[in-house]
Amino acid sequence: MSDFYTLLGVPRDCSEADVKKAYRKLAMEYHPDRNGAPEAEARFKEITEAYEVLRDPQKRGAYDRYGKAGVGGGQGGFGFHHVDLSEALNIFMRDFGGMGGFESIFGGGGRRQDPRRGQDVRVTVRVTLAEVATGVKKSVRLKTLERCTVCEGSGAKPGTQPTRCSTCGGNGEVRRAAQSMFGQFVSVSTCPTCAGEGQVVRDPCEVCRGEGRVKGDRTVTVEIPPGVSANNYLTLRGQGAAGPRGGPMGDLLVMLDVKDDDRFERQGDDLIFDLSLSFSQVALGGQFAVPTPYGDEEIRIPPGMQPETVLRLKNRGLPVLGQNVKGDLLIRVHVWTPERLTDEQQRLFQELAKLEGEAPKRSPGFWSKLKEALGA
């Protein structure tokens, strides 16, 4: 990880105000809603992590003394972790979202966010490792607010229409001009009559009571790509709750929960499988079946393979998310020793012990050779 001060472009003796100013400038440059470059999202998360530490005097002091270890989750640490995009966006809005609204941060004169936009809906979908390997389609049943079919979402009684707000003239905002010793200034605020919608319902629908939406449920198909992990999530635009009175739908946020597979240990896109063999099997070698996410495959164990040897099956790990490549399956060979022997097994091992002789001496390791060279 890059140094937090370098990420924000500030000196180590900068003030808290300097940290906030530098972060805001970079966040506006790399915010995903403003910058569509592939690397912008990763950069936005990195600078947000740096900001969260350097803005807090205690965390910053620990970071200055011990680096990232000082703000980690261990004893004395502050539980630092890599933030996902959702956390980064929440941090940005927490500290800068009250300054005239999100749209005003990004240019002022741009499009206002529709106050009728529906809420985002968050669901968790559990997938198996086999489904991660191939990708999968999941059906998600949502219980949320749906558009009223009687008034078609307008909120107005059938046969009538919402009318333009007379207070704001349909703009959703009211402007007030005032004079001061410095000249005239104009304040802009949400219209108190229509709550920013620009229209009012005089004769509400009897079913939805003017909301334009009712409680309901529906099923959404979620296509989960190969190679996902538990820290990934999917955003389905316009699949969340219906907005009031014809407002746009919110988004559906699908959080992914990858179920552990007891057969494998996952390391990124690689998988590790522990293969236990008896002494006679590793001594004689042979063909053995091992599991993969795509079905069992046979591997050849050469005679005399030593314990803890690692074999590699290329392209039998998990897909790399968004790429047409796969990780590998690493097979760690362990020698299984029986805890109890039958009389016949004990007799055979005793005969074998007479024939096999002593184990070869291991060559001295690096540190032993170094000690000998130094005369230690």
Protein backbone atom coordinates (compact mmCIF):
# COMPACT_ATOMS: atom_id res chain seq x y z
CA MET A 1 0.00 0.00 0.00
CA SER A 2 1.23 3.52 -0.82
CA ASP A 3 2.00 5.98 1.94
CA PHE A 4 -1.16 7.78 3.04
CA TYR A 5 0.47 11.22 2.83
CA THR A 6 1.71 10.48 -0.69
CA LEU A 7 -1.77 9.31 -1.76
CA LEU A 8 -3.30 12.63 -0.70
CA GLY A 9 -0.32 14.70 -1.84
CA VAL A 10 0.20 16.43 1.51
CA PRO A 11 3.32 16.83 3.71
CA ARG A 12 3.58 14.90 6.95
CA ASP A 13 3.25 18.11 9.01
CA CYS A 14 0.06 19.24 7.27
CA SER A 15 -2.98 20.38 9.23
CA GLU A 16 -6.32 18.58 9.47
CA ALA A 17 -7.80 21.25 7.19
CA ASP A 18 -5.10 20.51 4.60
CA VAL A 19 -6.01 16.81 4.72
CA LYS A 20 -9.69 17.55 4.20
CA LYS A 21 -9.02 20.00 1.38
CA ALA A 22 -6.69 17.59 -0.44
CA TYR A 23 -9.10 14.69 -0.11
CA ARG A 24 -12.08 16.69 -1.35
CA LYS A 25 -10.14 17.79 -4.44
CA LEU A 26 -9.03 14.23 -5.27
CA ALA A 27 -12.45 12.75 -4.47
CA MET A 28 -14.12 15.10 -6.92
CA GLU A 29 -11.59 14.00 -9.55
CA TYR A 30 -11.93 10.25 -9.03
CA HIS A 31 -15.53 9.88 -7.82
CA PRO A 32 -17.15 7.05 -9.90
CA ASP A 33 -20.13 9.27 -10.74
CA ARG A 34 -17.75 11.74 -12.33
CA ASN A 35 -14.89 9.66 -13.65
CA GLY A 36 -15.65 6.57 -15.71
CA ALA A 37 -12.03 5.43 -16.11
CA PRO A 38 -11.45 1.79 -15.05
CA GLU A 39 -8.87 2.76 -12.41
CA ALA A 40 -10.92 5.64 -10.94
CA GLU A 41 -12.91 3.47 -8.52
CA ALA A 42 -9.78 1.84 -7.06
CA ARG A 43 -8.13 5.25 -6.70
CA PHE A 44 -11.22 6.68 -5.02
CA LYS A 45 -11.19 3.88 -2.42
CA GLU A 46 -7.44 4.33 -1.76
CA ILE A 47 -7.64 8.05 -1.08
CA THR A 48 -10.70 7.53 1.12
CA GLU A 49 -8.78 4.99 3.24
CA ALA A 50 -5.93 7.50 3.61
CA TYR A 51 -8.35 10.30 4.51
CA GLU A 52 -10.13 8.23 7.18
CA VAL A 53 -6.83 7.68 9.01
CA LEU A 54 -5.22 11.11 8.60
CA ARG A 55 -8.37 13.07 9.53
CA ASP A 56 -8.45 11.42 12.98
CA PRO A 57 -5.69 12.69 15.34
CA GLN A 58 -5.41 9.39 17.25
CA LYS A 59 -5.27 7.22 14.16
CA ARG A 60 -2.87 9.62 12.50
CA GLY A 61 -0.55 9.56 15.50
CA ALA A 62 -0.51 5.76 15.52
CA TYR A 63 0.09 5.70 11.76
CA ASP A 64 3.00 8.17 12.08
CA ARG A 65 4.65 5.96 14.71
CA TYR A 66 3.98 2.47 13.40
CA GLY A 67 2.67 2.78 9.85
CA LYS A 68 -0.30 0.70 8.80
CA ALA A 69 0.34 -1.75 11.68
CA GLY A 70 -0.50 1.05 14.10
CA VAL A 71 -4.05 1.35 12.77
CA GLY A 72 -4.66 -2.35 12.17
CA GLY A 73 -7.08 -4.59 13.99
CA GLY A 74 -4.60 -6.00 16.49
CA GLN A 75 -3.99 -4.97 20.07
CA GLY A 76 -3.73 -1.20 20.27
CA GLY A 77 -4.90 -0.77 16.69
CA PHE A 78 -7.99 1.00 15.40
CA GLY A 79 -9.54 -1.74 13.25
CA PHE A 80 -8.30 -0.38 9.90
CA HIS A 81 -9.57 -2.28 6.88
CA HIS A 82 -9.77 -1.76 3.15
CA VAL A 83 -13.02 0.01 2.38
CA ASP A 84 -15.34 -1.14 -0.37
CA LEU A 85 -16.97 1.30 -2.77
CA SER A 86 -20.15 1.58 -0.71
CA GLU A 87 -18.18 2.57 2.42
CA ALA A 88 -16.06 5.05 0.45
CA LEU A 89 -19.15 6.75 -0.98
CA ASN A 90 -20.74 6.93 2.48
CA ILE A 91 -17.60 8.52 3.95
CA PHE A 92 -17.53 11.11 1.18
CA MET A 93 -21.21 11.96 1.60
CA ARG A 94 -20.86 12.00 5.40
CA ASP A 95 -18.29 14.80 5.34
CA PHE A 96 -19.22 16.66 2.16
CA GLY A 97 -22.81 15.73 1.37
CA GLY A 98 -24.32 18.52 3.47
CA MET A 99 -22.80 21.31 1.40
CA GLY A 100 -25.77 22.03 -0.83
CA GLY A 101 -26.40 18.43 -1.86
CA PHE A 102 -24.46 15.91 -3.91
CA GLU A 103 -25.19 17.57 -7.25
CA SER A 104 -23.95 20.96 -6.06
CA ILE A 105 -20.63 19.40 -5.10
CA PHE A 106 -20.19 18.29 -8.69
CA GLY A 107 -20.81 21.52 -10.50
CA GLY A 108 -23.75 23.41 -8.98
CA GLY A 109 -25.64 24.14 -12.16
CA GLY A 110 -26.11 20.49 -13.09
CA ARG A 111 -29.20 18.34 -12.87
CA ARG A 112 -30.93 18.14 -9.51
CA GLN A 113 -31.37 14.68 -8.08
CA ASP A 114 -35.04 13.77 -8.32
CA PRO A 115 -36.47 13.94 -4.77
CA ARG A 116 -38.95 11.22 -5.78
CA ARG A 117 -36.23 8.65 -6.44
CA GLY A 118 -37.00 5.32 -4.76
CA GLN A 119 -34.86 3.78 -2.05
CA ASP A 120 -32.00 1.43 -2.82
CA VAL A 121 -32.63 -2.16 -1.77
CA ARG A 122 -29.84 -4.34 -0.41
CA VAL A 123 -29.96 -8.14 -0.49
CA THR A 124 -27.40 -10.86 0.22
CA VAL A 125 -26.98 -13.78 -2.16
CA ARG A 126 -25.04 -16.87 -1.14
CA VAL A 127 -23.01 -18.70 -3.77
CA THR A 128 -20.91 -21.86 -3.65
CA LEU A 129 -17.32 -22.17 -4.81
CA ALA A 130 -18.50 -24.24 -7.77
CA GLU A 131 -20.81 -21.38 -8.76
CA VAL A 132 -17.93 -18.93 -8.42
CA ALA A 133 -15.96 -21.10 -10.84
CA THR A 134 -18.59 -21.07 -13.57
CA GLY A 135 -20.79 -18.06 -12.86
CA VAL A 136 -24.47 -18.49 -12.07
CA LYS A 137 -27.89 -16.90 -12.37
CA LYS A 138 -29.84 -16.49 -9.13
CA SER A 139 -33.46 -15.55 -8.63
CA VAL A 140 -33.99 -13.02 -5.84
CA ARG A 141 -37.45 -12.40 -4.41
CA LEU A 142 -37.93 -8.81 -3.28
CA LYS A 143 -40.57 -7.46 -0.92
CA THR A 144 -40.54 -3.75 -1.51
CA LEU A 145 -42.58 -0.80 -2.79
CA GLU A 146 -43.96 -1.30 -6.30
CA ARG A 147 -45.60 1.13 -8.67
CA CYS A 148 -49.37 1.41 -8.16
CA THR A 149 -51.15 -0.16 -11.12
CA VAL A 150 -54.41 1.74 -10.50
CA CYS A 151 -52.98 5.24 -10.98
CA GLU A 152 -49.93 4.00 -12.94
CA GLY A 153 -47.65 5.53 -10.34
CA SER A 154 -48.88 9.13 -10.64
CA GLY A 155 -50.55 9.16 -7.22
CA ALA A 156 -53.56 10.91 -8.72
CA LYS A 157 -57.05 9.42 -8.83
CA PRO A 158 -57.79 7.78 -12.22
CA GLY A 159 -59.14 10.41 -14.58
CA THR A 160 -57.16 13.23 -12.91
CA GLN A 161 -53.57 14.44 -13.17
CA PRO A 162 -51.10 16.04 -10.75
CA THR A 163 -50.94 19.80 -11.16
CA ARG A 164 -47.96 22.10 -11.36
CA CYS A 165 -46.97 23.57 -8.01
CA SER A 166 -48.06 27.20 -7.85
CA THR A 167 -45.41 28.10 -5.27
CA CYS A 168 -42.32 27.18 -7.30
CA GLY A 169 -43.86 27.08 -10.77
CA GLY A 170 -42.82 23.45 -11.20
CA ASN A 171 -39.11 24.01 -10.51
CA GLY A 172 -39.10 22.33 -7.09
CA GLU A 173 -37.02 25.21 -5.70
CA VAL A 174 -37.77 28.64 -4.34
CA ARG A 175 -35.31 31.51 -4.59
CA ARG A 176 -35.20 34.41 -2.19
CA ALA A 177 -33.20 37.57 -2.84
CA ALA A 178 -32.03 39.80 -0.01
CA GLN A 179 -29.86 42.87 0.30
CA SER A 180 -26.89 43.16 2.58
CA MET A 181 -24.02 45.56 3.05
CA PHE A 182 -22.09 43.43 0.57
CA GLY A 183 -24.82 43.61 -2.08
CA GLN A 184 -27.62 41.30 -3.13
CA PHE A 185 -27.45 37.57 -2.45
CA VAL A 186 -29.83 34.79 -3.49
CA SER A 187 -30.69 31.75 -1.39
CA VAL A 188 -32.12 28.61 -2.98
CA SER A 189 -34.14 26.07 -0.98
CA THR A 190 -36.50 23.17 -1.59
CA CYS A 191 -40.07 24.22 -2.23
CA PRO A 192 -42.06 23.72 1.01
CA THR A 193 -45.32 23.10 -0.86
CA CYS A 194 -44.31 20.25 -3.20
CA ALA A 195 -41.17 19.08 -1.31
CA GLY A 196 -39.09 19.61 -4.43
CA GLU A 197 -41.28 17.55 -6.79
CA GLY A 198 -42.59 20.48 -8.81
CA GLN A 199 -46.17 19.19 -8.77
CA VAL A 200 -48.90 18.41 -6.27
CA VAL A 201 -51.69 15.82 -6.18
CA ARG A 202 -55.03 17.49 -5.49
CA ASP A 203 -57.19 14.36 -5.81
CA PRO A 204 -55.16 11.34 -4.56
CA CYS A 205 -55.57 7.73 -5.69
CA GLU A 206 -57.68 5.75 -3.22
CA VAL A 207 -55.47 2.65 -3.45
CA CYS A 208 -52.03 4.18 -2.83
CA ARG A 209 -53.35 7.32 -1.10
CA GLY A 210 -51.39 9.62 -3.38
CA GLU A 211 -48.04 7.82 -2.98
CA GLY A 212 -48.06 6.26 -6.43
CA ARG A 213 -46.66 3.04 -4.96
CA VAL A 214 -47.84 0.14 -2.81
CA LYS A 215 -46.25 -2.77 -0.99
CA GLY A 216 -45.60 -5.71 -3.26
CA ASP A 217 -43.10 -8.36 -4.26
CA ARG A 218 -41.35 -9.45 -7.43
CA THR A 219 -38.56 -11.73 -8.57
CA VAL A 220 -35.35 -10.38 -10.07
CA THR A 221 -32.79 -12.51 -11.90
CA VAL A 222 -29.21 -11.71 -10.90
CA GLU A 223 -26.39 -12.82 -13.18
CA ILE A 224 -23.28 -13.41 -11.08
CA PRO A 225 -20.06 -13.50 -13.14
CA PRO A 226 -17.30 -16.08 -12.58
CA GLY A 227 -14.51 -15.25 -10.16
CA VAL A 228 -16.37 -13.19 -7.56
CA SER A 229 -15.37 -13.13 -3.91
CA ALA A 230 -17.06 -12.20 -0.66
CA ASN A 231 -15.94 -8.55 -0.87
CA ASN A 232 -17.68 -8.01 -4.22
CA TYR A 233 -21.17 -6.69 -4.81
CA LEU A 234 -23.36 -6.04 -7.84
CA THR A 235 -25.45 -2.95 -8.56
CA LEU A 236 -28.60 -3.41 -10.64
CA ARG A 237 -29.68 0.05 -11.70
CA GLY A 238 -33.40 0.77 -11.46
CA GLN A 239 -34.26 -2.53 -9.75
CA GLY A 240 -34.84 -1.15 -6.25
CA ALA A 241 -37.96 0.38 -4.72
CA ALA A 242 -40.36 2.44 -6.82
CA GLY A 243 -40.21 6.18 -6.27
CA PRO A 244 -43.28 8.10 -5.07
CA ARG A 245 -45.60 9.64 -7.66
CA GLY A 246 -43.81 8.36 -10.74
CA GLY A 247 -40.30 8.96 -9.45
CA PRO A 248 -37.41 6.83 -10.76
CA MET A 249 -36.69 3.46 -9.18
CA GLY A 250 -33.83 3.01 -6.75
CA ASP A 251 -31.04 0.49 -7.28
CA LEU A 252 -30.69 -3.11 -6.13
CA LEU A 253 -27.41 -3.79 -4.32
CA VAL A 254 -26.55 -7.49 -4.33
CA MET A 255 -24.00 -8.37 -1.63
CA LEU A 256 -22.22 -11.67 -2.32
CA ASP A 257 -21.57 -14.25 0.37
CA VAL A 258 -19.29 -17.04 -0.87
CA LYS A 259 -19.82 -20.28 1.05
CA ASP A 260 -16.61 -21.97 2.20
CA ASP A 261 -15.71 -25.26 0.56
CA ASP A 262 -14.06 -27.57 3.10
CA ARG A 263 -12.02 -29.24 0.38
CA PHE A 264 -10.11 -26.13 -0.63
CA GLU A 265 -8.26 -23.18 0.79
CA ARG A 266 -8.69 -20.10 -1.37
CA GLN A 267 -5.86 -17.67 -2.01
CA GLY A 268 -7.14 -15.11 -4.46
CA ASP A 269 -7.76 -16.99 -7.70
CA ASP A 270 -5.65 -20.02 -6.68
CA LEU A 271 -6.99 -22.97 -4.69
CA ILE A 272 -5.04 -25.26 -2.36
CA PHE A 273 -5.97 -28.90 -1.80
CA ASP A 274 -4.30 -31.15 0.81
CA LEU A 275 -3.77 -34.68 -0.51
CA SER A 276 -3.10 -37.26 2.19
CA LEU A 277 -1.32 -40.44 1.05
CA SER A 278 0.07 -43.43 2.94
CA PHE A 279 3.77 -44.17 3.12
CA SER A 280 3.46 -46.99 0.61
CA GLN A 281 1.55 -44.75 -1.83
CA VAL A 282 4.19 -42.01 -1.86
CA ALA A 283 6.96 -44.63 -1.98
CA LEU A 284 5.47 -46.49 -4.95
CA GLY A 285 3.77 -43.57 -6.69
CA GLY A 286 0.72 -43.94 -8.90
CA GLN A 287 -2.40 -42.20 -10.27
CA PHE A 288 -4.68 -40.48 -7.77
CA ALA A 289 -7.94 -38.56 -8.13
CA VAL A 290 -8.15 -35.00 -6.77
CA PRO A 291 -11.19 -32.70 -6.73
CA THR A 292 -11.34 -29.45 -8.70
CA PRO A 293 -14.21 -26.95 -9.01
CA TYR A 294 -14.87 -28.51 -12.41
CA GLY A 295 -14.91 -32.16 -11.37
CA ASP A 296 -12.37 -34.77 -10.27
CA GLU A 297 -9.09 -35.12 -12.18
CA GLU A 298 -6.28 -37.66 -11.95
CA ILE A 299 -2.71 -36.68 -11.19
CA ARG A 300 0.43 -38.78 -11.28
CA ILE A 301 2.50 -39.06 -8.11
CA PRO A 302 6.05 -40.12 -8.99
CA PRO A 303 7.68 -42.83 -6.80
CA GLY A 304 9.51 -41.47 -3.79
CA MET A 305 7.75 -38.10 -3.59
CA GLN A 306 8.67 -36.30 -0.40
CA PRO A 307 6.11 -34.94 2.11
CA GLU A 308 4.98 -31.31 1.72
CA THR A 309 5.73 -31.37 -2.00
CA VAL A 310 3.43 -28.99 -3.87
CA LEU A 311 2.09 -29.95 -7.28
CA ARG A 312 0.40 -27.46 -9.58
CA LEU A 313 -2.56 -28.04 -11.89
CA LYS A 314 -2.61 -25.09 -14.28
CA ASN A 315 -5.93 -23.35 -14.93
CA ARG A 316 -7.83 -25.46 -12.39
CA GLY A 317 -8.30 -22.66 -9.90
CA LEU A 318 -10.94 -19.92 -10.04
CA PRO A 319 -11.47 -17.47 -12.89
CA VAL A 320 -9.97 -14.01 -12.58
CA LEU A 321 -12.92 -11.62 -12.31
CA GLY A 322 -13.54 -9.87 -15.62
CA GLN A 323 -10.75 -11.71 -17.45
CA ASN A 324 -10.52 -14.84 -19.56
CA VAL A 325 -7.86 -16.49 -17.38
CA LYS A 326 -7.93 -18.80 -14.36
CA GLY A 327 -5.83 -19.42 -11.32
CA ASP A 328 -4.18 -22.75 -10.48
CA LEU A 329 -4.94 -25.65 -8.16
CA LEU A 330 -2.02 -26.28 -5.78
CA ILE A 331 -1.85 -29.80 -4.34
CA ARG A 332 0.07 -30.22 -1.09
CA VAL A 333 1.11 -33.84 -0.54
CA HIS A 334 1.00 -35.09 3.05
CA VAL A 335 2.05 -38.53 4.34
CA TRP A 336 -0.64 -40.17 6.45
CA THR A 337 0.57 -42.25 9.37
CA PRO A 338 -1.88 -44.78 10.89
CA GLU A 339 -2.48 -44.31 14.62
CA ARG A 340 -3.10 -48.03 15.22
CA LEU A 341 -1.69 -51.08 13.44
CA THR A 342 -3.11 -54.56 13.13
CA ASP A 343 -0.86 -57.45 14.02
CA GLU A 344 -0.27 -58.15 10.33
CA GLN A 345 0.57 -54.50 9.58
CA GLN A 346 2.94 -54.36 12.52
CA ARG A 347 4.70 -57.52 11.31
CA LEU A 348 5.10 -56.14 7.80
CA PHE A 349 6.42 -52.80 9.04
CA GLN A 350 8.95 -54.61 11.21
CA GLU A 351 10.14 -56.57 8.17
CA LEU A 352 10.29 -53.33 6.19
CA ALA A 353 12.32 -51.64 8.93
CA LYS A 354 14.99 -54.34 8.56
CA LEU A 355 15.24 -53.71 4.83
CA GLU A 356 14.96 -49.92 4.49
CA GLY A 357 18.01 -48.99 6.59
CA GLU A 358 18.62 -45.56 8.04
CA ALA A 359 17.17 -42.38 6.62
CA PRO A 360 19.67 -40.26 4.65
CA LYS A 361 21.17 -37.33 6.48
CA ARG A 362 19.83 -33.96 5.44
CA SER A 363 22.31 -31.50 4.01
CA PRO A 364 22.98 -28.57 6.34
CA GLY A 365 20.76 -25.60 5.80
CA PHE A 366 21.82 -22.08 4.95
CA TRP A 367 22.10 -20.87 8.55
CA SER A 368 24.14 -23.93 9.58
CA LYS A 369 26.58 -23.29 6.71
CA LEU A 370 26.79 -19.63 7.68
CA LYS A 371 27.56 -20.52 11.31
CA GLU A 372 30.32 -22.91 10.17
CA ALA A 373 31.81 -20.22 7.91
CA LEU A 374 31.84 -17.74 10.81
CA GLY A 375 33.29 -20.34 13.17
CA ALA A 376 30.27 -20.14 15.47
